[in-house]
């Protein structure tokens, strides 16, 4: 294994994940679902409120499904990667901060603000993922991708730990109660995220020729359809995307709904917060370990092993009845979440042509978010039909299995050249 040397651009790219992950951790995984369930949706039936939440995620990700490839294609044609990336990120940061202003019972505005923030967060990540292909040689893709996720878990986890302590002991911070602490956490995420955005905005340099098109959207849409028409040229990449579409469904569904699931089976919000902290600090070293394993055995092997673990996690979730059992589940998720994400991103980066990186990572995020809207949609449907959280996650097992089977047919770059 060659020694990894990081330039300023790569360091800024890795550092950004520490800010970006604060949204995924503090907002998506923890405080938004907790605060929505216990505060904003006060007076609304719990099952109904959960259905509204899952359908908001579905709508947000469905919009991304159709727009992601075009966003990526626009940046391939116009060299606007950094400009669009910064714009989407700032919009998301702004709407996260607006959550601070909402009062008891403002569930509708909370869902609107969250839906916009979630869409822009994901749209920005299309371009963030594209940057990886531009700043890293193919031989270092997995390691730099893994460092991004690892330090994302560490940085996001550190802020979340502070926010969690504020929530558990609000009087020590001069706050009235846990509700006030959670509201201030939305402001803190916005500030934290903004600070880590600065280095990448300063140091990242857009590649390629700045082409000025009269109708960028029309040209980009045509380019996307041309790629789809000539899909046979990129068969291996699209085979991977089909597998990714299926298994990442389960990953995102667990990420988005773990807190809501735990609260609805009767766990205290303090236990949920402790479990989510555990995810972050297990994921940091685990992601680095998976990076070393993938260097020896390949990204595909890591992905398939993580899929098997996730199936076990979903099965185990049907038996949860105590905080201790939730902590075990959290540790299991933390052990594989970063590995499957980092290796998926790096393997795809190795399979796509660099000149089409934006467009292809648009497809990557499209297929990823397609899974993210099907998973929550299925969970919401199961809750509505069966009125039970116990079996809510079970449908995603089939998607993990199908994704794993297709991954067996995907070839690593070294296998393609043999």
Protein backbone atom coordinates (compact mmCIF):
# COMPACT_ATOMS: atom_id res chain seq x y z
CA UNK A 1 0.00 0.00 0.00
CA UNK A 2 1.50 3.34 -1.09
CA UNK A 3 1.75 6.13 1.44
CA UNK A 4 -1.16 8.56 1.22
CA UNK A 5 -0.15 12.17 0.60
CA UNK A 6 -2.86 14.78 0.93
CA UNK A 7 -2.68 18.21 -0.65
CA UNK A 8 -4.57 21.27 0.63
CA UNK A 9 -7.51 20.61 -1.70
CA UNK A 10 -7.92 17.02 -0.47
CA UNK A 11 -7.65 18.10 3.17
CA UNK A 12 -10.37 20.73 2.62
CA UNK A 13 -12.57 18.11 0.93
CA UNK A 14 -12.14 15.67 3.85
CA UNK A 15 -12.68 18.42 6.44
CA UNK A 16 -15.97 19.49 4.86
CA UNK A 17 -17.52 16.12 5.74
CA UNK A 18 -17.06 16.97 9.44
CA UNK A 19 -19.44 19.90 8.93
CA UNK A 20 -21.75 18.24 6.46
CA UNK A 21 -22.23 15.26 8.76
CA UNK A 22 -23.62 17.49 11.51
CA UNK A 23 -26.80 17.76 9.45
CA UNK A 24 -27.00 13.99 8.89
CA UNK A 25 -26.35 13.27 12.57
CA UNK A 26 -27.85 16.02 14.72
CA UNK A 27 -30.72 16.93 12.40
CA UNK A 28 -31.72 13.86 10.34
CA UNK A 29 -30.84 11.02 12.69
CA UNK A 30 -31.55 12.65 16.04
CA UNK A 31 -33.13 15.95 16.93
CA UNK A 32 -35.48 16.62 14.05
CA UNK A 33 -37.40 13.33 14.41
CA UNK A 34 -37.32 13.58 18.22
CA UNK A 35 -38.44 17.22 18.32
CA UNK A 36 -40.98 16.68 15.54
CA UNK A 37 -42.52 13.72 17.38
CA UNK A 38 -42.51 15.20 20.87
CA UNK A 39 -42.95 18.95 20.23
CA UNK A 40 -43.92 20.21 16.77
CA UNK A 41 -46.54 17.50 16.12
CA UNK A 42 -48.10 17.91 19.57
CA UNK A 43 -51.81 17.17 19.30
CA UNK A 44 -51.39 14.94 16.22
CA UNK A 45 -51.79 11.17 16.55
CA UNK A 46 -48.33 9.57 16.77
CA UNK A 47 -48.85 7.10 13.94
CA UNK A 48 -50.28 9.80 11.66
CA UNK A 49 -47.43 12.19 12.48
CA UNK A 50 -44.86 9.49 11.66
CA UNK A 51 -46.58 8.86 8.32
CA UNK A 52 -46.39 12.59 7.49
CA UNK A 53 -42.69 12.56 8.31
CA UNK A 54 -41.90 9.52 6.15
CA UNK A 55 -43.88 10.96 3.25
CA UNK A 56 -41.99 14.27 3.54
CA UNK A 57 -38.73 12.35 3.15
CA UNK A 58 -40.29 10.50 0.20
CA UNK A 59 -41.31 13.71 -1.59
CA UNK A 60 -37.97 15.43 -0.96
CA UNK A 61 -36.02 12.48 -2.31
CA UNK A 62 -38.44 11.97 -5.20
CA UNK A 63 -37.74 15.51 -6.43
CA UNK A 64 -34.02 14.75 -6.23
CA UNK A 65 -34.59 11.54 -8.18
CA UNK A 66 -35.50 13.51 -11.30
CA UNK A 67 -33.18 16.48 -10.87
CA UNK A 68 -29.88 14.92 -9.73
CA UNK A 69 -28.49 13.75 -13.11
CA UNK A 70 -29.32 17.12 -14.66
CA UNK A 71 -27.60 18.99 -11.81
CA UNK A 72 -24.48 16.86 -12.33
CA UNK A 73 -24.61 17.25 -16.11
CA UNK A 74 -24.90 21.04 -15.83
CA UNK A 75 -21.62 21.16 -13.90
CA UNK A 76 -19.91 18.93 -16.48
CA UNK A 77 -20.89 21.39 -19.22
CA UNK A 78 -20.45 24.72 -17.47
CA UNK A 79 -17.74 24.29 -14.81
CA UNK A 80 -20.07 25.49 -12.08
CA UNK A 81 -19.44 22.66 -9.61
CA UNK A 82 -18.26 24.87 -6.75
CA UNK A 83 -20.86 27.57 -7.37
CA UNK A 84 -23.83 25.19 -7.32
CA UNK A 85 -22.36 23.16 -4.47
CA UNK A 86 -22.00 26.30 -2.35
CA UNK A 87 -25.50 27.53 -3.25
CA UNK A 88 -27.25 24.28 -2.33
CA UNK A 89 -25.28 24.02 0.91
CA UNK A 90 -26.05 27.59 1.99
CA UNK A 91 -29.77 27.12 1.32
CA UNK A 92 -29.79 23.96 3.44
CA UNK A 93 -27.89 25.73 6.23
CA UNK A 94 -30.41 28.60 6.15
CA UNK A 95 -33.47 26.34 6.47
CA UNK A 96 -31.86 24.37 9.30
CA UNK A 97 -31.40 27.66 11.17
CA UNK A 98 -35.07 28.54 10.53
CA UNK A 99 -36.12 25.48 12.54
CA UNK A 100 -35.07 27.44 15.64
CA UNK A 101 -37.97 29.85 15.10
CA UNK A 102 -40.78 27.26 15.15
CA UNK A 103 -43.12 26.86 18.09
CA UNK A 104 -45.23 24.08 19.61
CA UNK A 105 -47.61 22.60 17.03
CA UNK A 106 -45.79 24.01 13.96
CA UNK A 107 -45.49 20.53 12.43
CA UNK A 108 -46.37 21.62 8.88
CA UNK A 109 -43.72 24.36 8.67
CA UNK A 110 -41.21 22.01 10.32
CA UNK A 111 -41.76 19.44 7.58
CA UNK A 112 -41.53 22.12 4.84
CA UNK A 113 -38.25 23.52 6.20
CA UNK A 114 -36.83 20.03 6.72
CA UNK A 115 -37.87 18.88 3.24
CA UNK A 116 -36.10 21.83 1.57
CA UNK A 117 -33.00 21.42 3.75
CA UNK A 118 -32.88 17.68 3.04
CA UNK A 119 -33.20 18.21 -0.73
CA UNK A 120 -30.46 20.86 -0.88
CA UNK A 121 -28.19 18.81 1.40
CA UNK A 122 -28.51 15.86 -0.99
CA UNK A 123 -28.15 18.00 -4.12
CA UNK A 124 -24.95 19.50 -2.72
CA UNK A 125 -23.62 16.01 -2.03
CA UNK A 126 -23.91 15.15 -5.74
CA UNK A 127 -21.27 17.77 -6.43
CA UNK A 128 -19.24 16.95 -3.32
CA UNK A 129 -18.99 13.33 -4.52
CA UNK A 130 -18.01 14.54 -8.00
CA UNK A 131 -15.16 16.56 -6.47
CA UNK A 132 -13.66 13.33 -5.11
CA UNK A 133 -13.00 12.02 -8.64
CA UNK A 134 -11.36 15.32 -9.55
CA UNK A 135 -9.05 15.66 -6.54
CA UNK A 136 -8.00 12.02 -6.02
CA UNK A 137 -6.10 9.59 -8.29
CA UNK A 138 -7.99 6.32 -8.82
CA UNK A 139 -5.54 4.39 -6.66
CA UNK A 140 -6.39 6.63 -3.68
CA UNK A 141 -10.16 6.93 -4.16
CA UNK A 142 -11.13 4.42 -1.48
CA UNK A 143 -8.76 5.80 1.12
CA UNK A 144 -9.70 9.46 0.62
CA UNK A 145 -13.41 8.58 0.41
CA UNK A 146 -13.08 6.63 3.67
CA UNK A 147 -11.22 9.48 5.37
CA UNK A 148 -14.08 11.79 4.39
CA UNK A 149 -16.69 9.54 5.97
CA UNK A 150 -14.51 8.74 9.00
CA UNK A 151 -13.81 12.37 9.88
CA UNK A 152 -17.42 13.15 9.06
CA UNK A 153 -18.50 10.73 11.78
CA UNK A 154 -15.89 12.14 14.16
CA UNK A 155 -16.70 15.80 13.50
CA UNK A 156 -20.46 15.34 13.34
CA UNK A 157 -20.25 13.12 16.39
CA UNK A 158 -18.31 15.71 18.41
CA UNK A 159 -20.93 18.41 17.78
CA UNK A 160 -23.72 15.93 18.43
CA UNK A 161 -22.10 14.96 21.74
CA UNK A 162 -22.11 18.62 22.82
CA UNK A 163 -25.72 19.03 21.69
CA UNK A 164 -26.71 15.82 23.48
CA UNK A 165 -25.12 16.95 26.76
CA UNK A 166 -26.94 20.27 26.40
CA UNK A 167 -30.20 18.36 25.97
CA UNK A 168 -29.62 16.00 28.88
CA UNK A 169 -28.36 18.74 31.25
CA UNK A 170 -29.86 22.01 29.94
CA UNK A 171 -29.57 23.85 33.27
CA UNK A 172 -25.76 23.51 33.12
CA UNK A 173 -25.81 25.65 29.96
CA UNK A 174 -28.22 28.25 31.30
CA UNK A 175 -31.12 26.81 29.30
CA UNK A 176 -34.66 26.37 30.54
CA UNK A 177 -35.23 22.79 29.39
CA UNK A 178 -34.38 20.12 26.81
CA UNK A 179 -36.66 21.73 24.22
CA UNK A 180 -34.69 24.96 24.31
CA UNK A 181 -31.43 22.99 24.06
CA UNK A 182 -32.64 21.16 20.95
CA UNK A 183 -33.73 24.42 19.33
CA UNK A 184 -30.29 25.93 19.93
CA UNK A 185 -28.72 22.82 18.41
CA UNK A 186 -30.26 23.80 15.05
CA UNK A 187 -28.37 27.11 15.18
CA UNK A 188 -25.16 25.36 16.24
CA UNK A 189 -25.38 22.92 13.30
CA UNK A 190 -25.78 25.86 10.90
CA UNK A 191 -22.72 27.65 12.31
CA UNK A 192 -20.61 24.46 12.48
CA UNK A 193 -21.54 23.48 8.91
CA UNK A 194 -20.76 27.00 7.64
CA UNK A 195 -17.30 26.98 9.21
CA UNK A 196 -16.34 23.69 7.53
CA UNK A 197 -17.71 24.94 4.21
CA UNK A 198 -15.16 27.80 4.08
CA UNK A 199 -11.97 25.75 3.35
CA UNK A 200 -13.46 23.80 0.45
CA UNK A 201 -14.89 26.98 -1.09
CA UNK A 202 -11.45 28.61 -0.87
CA UNK A 203 -9.27 25.71 -2.01
CA UNK A 204 -11.31 23.63 -4.47
CA UNK A 205 -10.61 24.49 -8.13
CA UNK A 206 -13.13 23.59 -10.82
CA UNK A 207 -11.71 21.47 -13.64
CA UNK A 208 -12.48 21.49 -17.36
CA UNK A 209 -13.36 24.17 -19.87
CA UNK A 210 -15.94 26.77 -18.92
CA UNK A 211 -18.52 26.30 -21.67
CA UNK A 212 -21.19 28.96 -21.93
CA UNK A 213 -24.39 27.37 -23.20
CA UNK A 214 -27.47 29.37 -24.09
CA UNK A 215 -29.68 26.72 -22.56
CA UNK A 216 -27.75 24.74 -19.99
CA UNK A 217 -30.78 22.84 -18.67
CA UNK A 218 -31.85 21.80 -22.18
CA UNK A 219 -28.30 20.80 -23.12
CA UNK A 220 -27.76 18.93 -19.86
CA UNK A 221 -31.06 17.07 -20.14
CA UNK A 222 -30.17 16.01 -23.69
CA UNK A 223 -26.76 14.81 -22.46
CA UNK A 224 -28.38 12.70 -19.73
CA UNK A 225 -30.77 11.04 -22.19
CA UNK A 226 -27.86 10.43 -24.60
CA UNK A 227 -25.97 8.61 -21.84
CA UNK A 228 -29.03 6.51 -21.02
CA UNK A 229 -29.48 5.66 -24.72
CA UNK A 230 -25.84 4.51 -24.91
CA UNK A 231 -26.06 2.66 -21.60
CA UNK A 232 -24.33 -0.44 -23.01
CA UNK A 233 -21.03 1.50 -23.05
CA UNK A 234 -21.20 1.79 -19.26
CA UNK A 235 -22.84 -1.54 -18.44
CA UNK A 236 -20.72 -2.27 -15.36
CA UNK A 237 -21.34 1.17 -13.84
CA UNK A 238 -25.09 0.89 -14.35
CA UNK A 239 -25.13 -2.67 -13.02
CA UNK A 240 -23.51 -1.28 -9.88
CA UNK A 241 -26.13 1.49 -9.74
CA UNK A 242 -28.93 -1.08 -9.84
CA UNK A 243 -27.40 -2.93 -6.89
CA UNK A 244 -26.76 0.36 -5.09
CA UNK A 245 -30.35 1.44 -5.69
CA UNK A 246 -31.53 -1.63 -3.79
CA UNK A 247 -29.16 -1.98 -0.85
CA UNK A 248 -28.69 1.72 -0.06
CA UNK A 249 -32.46 1.83 0.45
CA UNK A 250 -32.00 -0.08 3.67
CA UNK A 251 -28.99 1.97 4.75
CA UNK A 252 -30.83 5.27 4.35
CA UNK A 253 -34.06 3.96 5.84
CA UNK A 254 -32.25 2.85 8.99
CA UNK A 255 -30.43 6.21 9.11
CA UNK A 256 -33.57 8.31 8.71
CA UNK A 257 -35.98 6.32 10.86
CA UNK A 258 -33.94 4.74 13.68
CA UNK A 259 -34.83 7.50 16.16
CA UNK A 260 -38.52 7.52 15.25
CA UNK A 261 -38.57 3.71 15.46
CA UNK A 262 -36.96 3.67 18.91
CA UNK A 263 -39.25 6.36 20.35
CA UNK A 264 -42.36 4.66 19.01
CA UNK A 265 -41.48 1.35 20.67
CA UNK A 266 -41.31 3.16 24.01
CA UNK A 267 -37.66 4.15 24.52
CA UNK A 268 -36.84 7.46 26.19
CA UNK A 269 -35.35 10.17 23.97
CA UNK A 270 -32.23 10.19 26.21
CA UNK A 271 -31.62 6.52 25.35
CA UNK A 272 -32.01 7.27 21.65
CA UNK A 273 -29.50 10.12 21.88
CA UNK A 274 -26.94 7.90 23.64
CA UNK A 275 -27.43 5.23 20.97
CA UNK A 276 -26.84 7.74 18.17
CA UNK A 277 -23.67 9.01 19.85
CA UNK A 278 -22.51 5.41 19.94
CA UNK A 279 -23.10 5.10 16.17
CA UNK A 280 -20.82 8.08 15.47
CA UNK A 281 -17.90 7.03 17.61
CA UNK A 282 -18.01 3.38 16.53
CA UNK A 283 -18.25 4.46 12.87
CA UNK A 284 -15.08 6.60 12.98
CA UNK A 285 -12.53 3.78 13.59
CA UNK A 286 -14.69 1.19 11.79
CA UNK A 287 -14.65 3.20 8.55
CA UNK A 288 -10.86 3.45 8.65
CA UNK A 289 -10.61 -0.30 9.26
CA UNK A 290 -12.89 -1.02 6.28
CA UNK A 291 -10.63 1.20 4.15
CA UNK A 292 -7.67 -1.04 4.94
CA UNK A 293 -9.70 -4.21 4.32
CA UNK A 294 -10.95 -2.90 0.96
CA UNK A 295 -7.37 -2.12 -0.11
CA UNK A 296 -6.60 -5.83 0.31
CA UNK A 297 -9.88 -7.50 -0.69
CA UNK A 298 -11.65 -4.88 -2.83
CA UNK A 299 -14.59 -2.53 -2.35
CA UNK A 300 -17.12 -5.11 -3.56
CA UNK A 301 -16.23 -7.63 -0.86
CA UNK A 302 -16.62 -5.00 1.86
CA UNK A 303 -20.00 -3.90 0.46
CA UNK A 304 -21.35 -7.45 0.35
CA UNK A 305 -20.21 -8.23 3.90
CA UNK A 306 -21.81 -5.01 5.17
CA UNK A 307 -25.07 -5.98 3.44
CA UNK A 308 -25.12 -9.26 5.37
CA UNK A 309 -24.61 -7.37 8.65
CA UNK A 310 -27.44 -4.96 7.80
CA UNK A 311 -29.82 -7.87 7.22
CA UNK A 312 -28.95 -9.13 10.69
CA UNK A 313 -29.54 -5.63 12.10
CA UNK A 314 -33.04 -5.41 10.59
CA UNK A 315 -33.95 -8.86 11.92
CA UNK A 316 -32.62 -7.89 15.35
CA UNK A 317 -34.70 -4.66 15.31
CA UNK A 318 -37.92 -6.71 15.48
CA UNK A 319 -36.93 -7.92 18.97
CA UNK A 320 -36.03 -4.56 20.56
CA UNK A 321 -37.63 -3.80 23.91
CA UNK A 322 -34.94 -2.04 25.98
CA UNK A 323 -32.32 0.69 25.80
CA UNK A 324 -29.48 -1.84 26.15
CA UNK A 325 -30.72 -3.71 23.07
CA UNK A 326 -30.95 -0.41 21.17
CA UNK A 327 -27.31 0.30 22.06
CA UNK A 328 -26.29 -3.07 20.61
CA UNK A 329 -28.19 -2.25 17.42
CA UNK A 330 -26.54 1.21 17.30
CA UNK A 331 -23.07 -0.30 17.62
CA UNK A 332 -23.90 -2.72 14.80
CA UNK A 333 -25.02 0.11 12.54
CA UNK A 334 -21.92 2.14 13.38
CA UNK A 335 -19.65 -0.78 12.52
CA UNK A 336 -20.83 -0.94 8.90
CA UNK A 337 -22.50 2.35 7.96
CA UNK A 338 -19.31 4.21 7.03
CA UNK A 339 -17.76 1.19 5.35
CA UNK A 340 -20.64 0.56 2.95
CA UNK A 341 -20.98 4.28 2.12
CA UNK A 342 -17.28 4.92 1.54
CA UNK A 343 -16.67 1.78 -0.51
CA UNK A 344 -19.80 2.40 -2.61
CA UNK A 345 -18.65 5.92 -3.47
CA UNK A 346 -15.08 4.91 -4.23
CA UNK A 347 -16.03 1.85 -6.32
CA UNK A 348 -18.40 3.93 -8.41
CA UNK A 349 -15.72 6.61 -8.82
CA UNK A 350 -13.43 3.94 -10.29
CA UNK A 351 -16.09 2.79 -12.76
CA UNK A 352 -17.04 6.13 -14.34
CA UNK A 353 -15.26 8.33 -16.94
CA UNK A 354 -13.86 11.47 -15.29
CA UNK A 355 -15.24 13.81 -17.98
CA UNK A 356 -18.76 12.60 -17.09
CA UNK A 357 -18.20 12.49 -13.32
CA UNK A 358 -20.86 15.09 -12.48
CA UNK A 359 -23.50 13.40 -14.61
CA UNK A 360 -22.66 9.93 -13.30
CA UNK A 361 -22.60 11.04 -9.67
CA UNK A 362 -25.96 12.60 -10.41
CA UNK A 363 -27.12 9.09 -11.32
CA UNK A 364 -25.34 7.77 -8.19
CA UNK A 365 -27.32 10.13 -5.96
CA UNK A 366 -30.49 9.58 -8.02
CA UNK A 367 -30.34 5.84 -7.50
CA UNK A 368 -29.35 6.32 -3.85
CA UNK A 369 -32.24 8.68 -3.16
CA UNK A 370 -34.63 6.49 -5.16
CA UNK A 371 -33.94 3.85 -2.55
CA UNK A 372 -34.33 6.49 0.14
CA UNK A 373 -37.84 7.35 -0.97
CA UNK A 374 -38.97 3.74 -1.47
CA UNK A 375 -37.73 2.63 1.96
CA UNK A 376 -39.48 5.31 4.04
CA UNK A 377 -42.53 4.96 1.80
CA UNK A 378 -42.73 1.23 2.52
CA UNK A 379 -42.19 1.83 6.23
CA UNK A 380 -44.93 4.47 6.26
CA UNK A 381 -47.27 2.10 4.39
CA UNK A 382 -46.58 -0.79 6.81
CA UNK A 383 -47.20 1.47 9.80
CA UNK A 384 -50.46 2.68 8.27
CA UNK A 385 -51.70 -0.84 7.40
CA UNK A 386 -50.52 -2.78 10.44
CA UNK A 387 -50.43 0.04 13.02
CA UNK A 388 -47.21 -1.43 14.44
CA UNK A 389 -43.58 -0.28 14.54
CA UNK A 390 -42.25 -3.76 15.34
CA UNK A 391 -42.34 -5.04 11.76
CA UNK A 392 -41.97 -1.66 10.04
CA UNK A 393 -38.38 -2.23 8.84
CA UNK A 394 -38.77 -5.81 7.65
CA UNK A 395 -39.61 -5.07 3.96
CA UNK A 396 -36.14 -3.69 3.34
CA UNK A 397 -34.56 -7.11 3.92
CA UNK A 398 -35.63 -8.12 0.40
CA UNK A 399 -33.93 -5.04 -1.02
CA UNK A 400 -30.68 -5.84 0.79
CA UNK A 401 -30.78 -9.39 -0.55
CA UNK A 402 -31.51 -8.33 -4.12
CA UNK A 403 -28.80 -5.65 -4.02
CA UNK A 404 -26.24 -8.11 -2.71
CA UNK A 405 -27.02 -10.65 -5.44
CA UNK A 406 -26.57 -8.05 -8.18
CA UNK A 407 -23.32 -6.83 -6.59
CA UNK A 408 -21.89 -10.30 -7.20
CA UNK A 409 -22.08 -9.53 -10.94
CA UNK A 410 -20.31 -6.16 -10.69
CA UNK A 411 -16.65 -6.24 -11.74
CA UNK A 412 -13.88 -4.31 -9.98
CA UNK A 413 -11.72 -2.17 -12.36
CA UNK A 414 -8.82 -4.66 -12.17
CA UNK A 415 -11.19 -7.48 -13.23
CA UNK A 416 -12.41 -5.48 -16.25
CA UNK A 417 -8.88 -5.12 -17.63
CA UNK A 418 -8.03 -8.83 -17.29
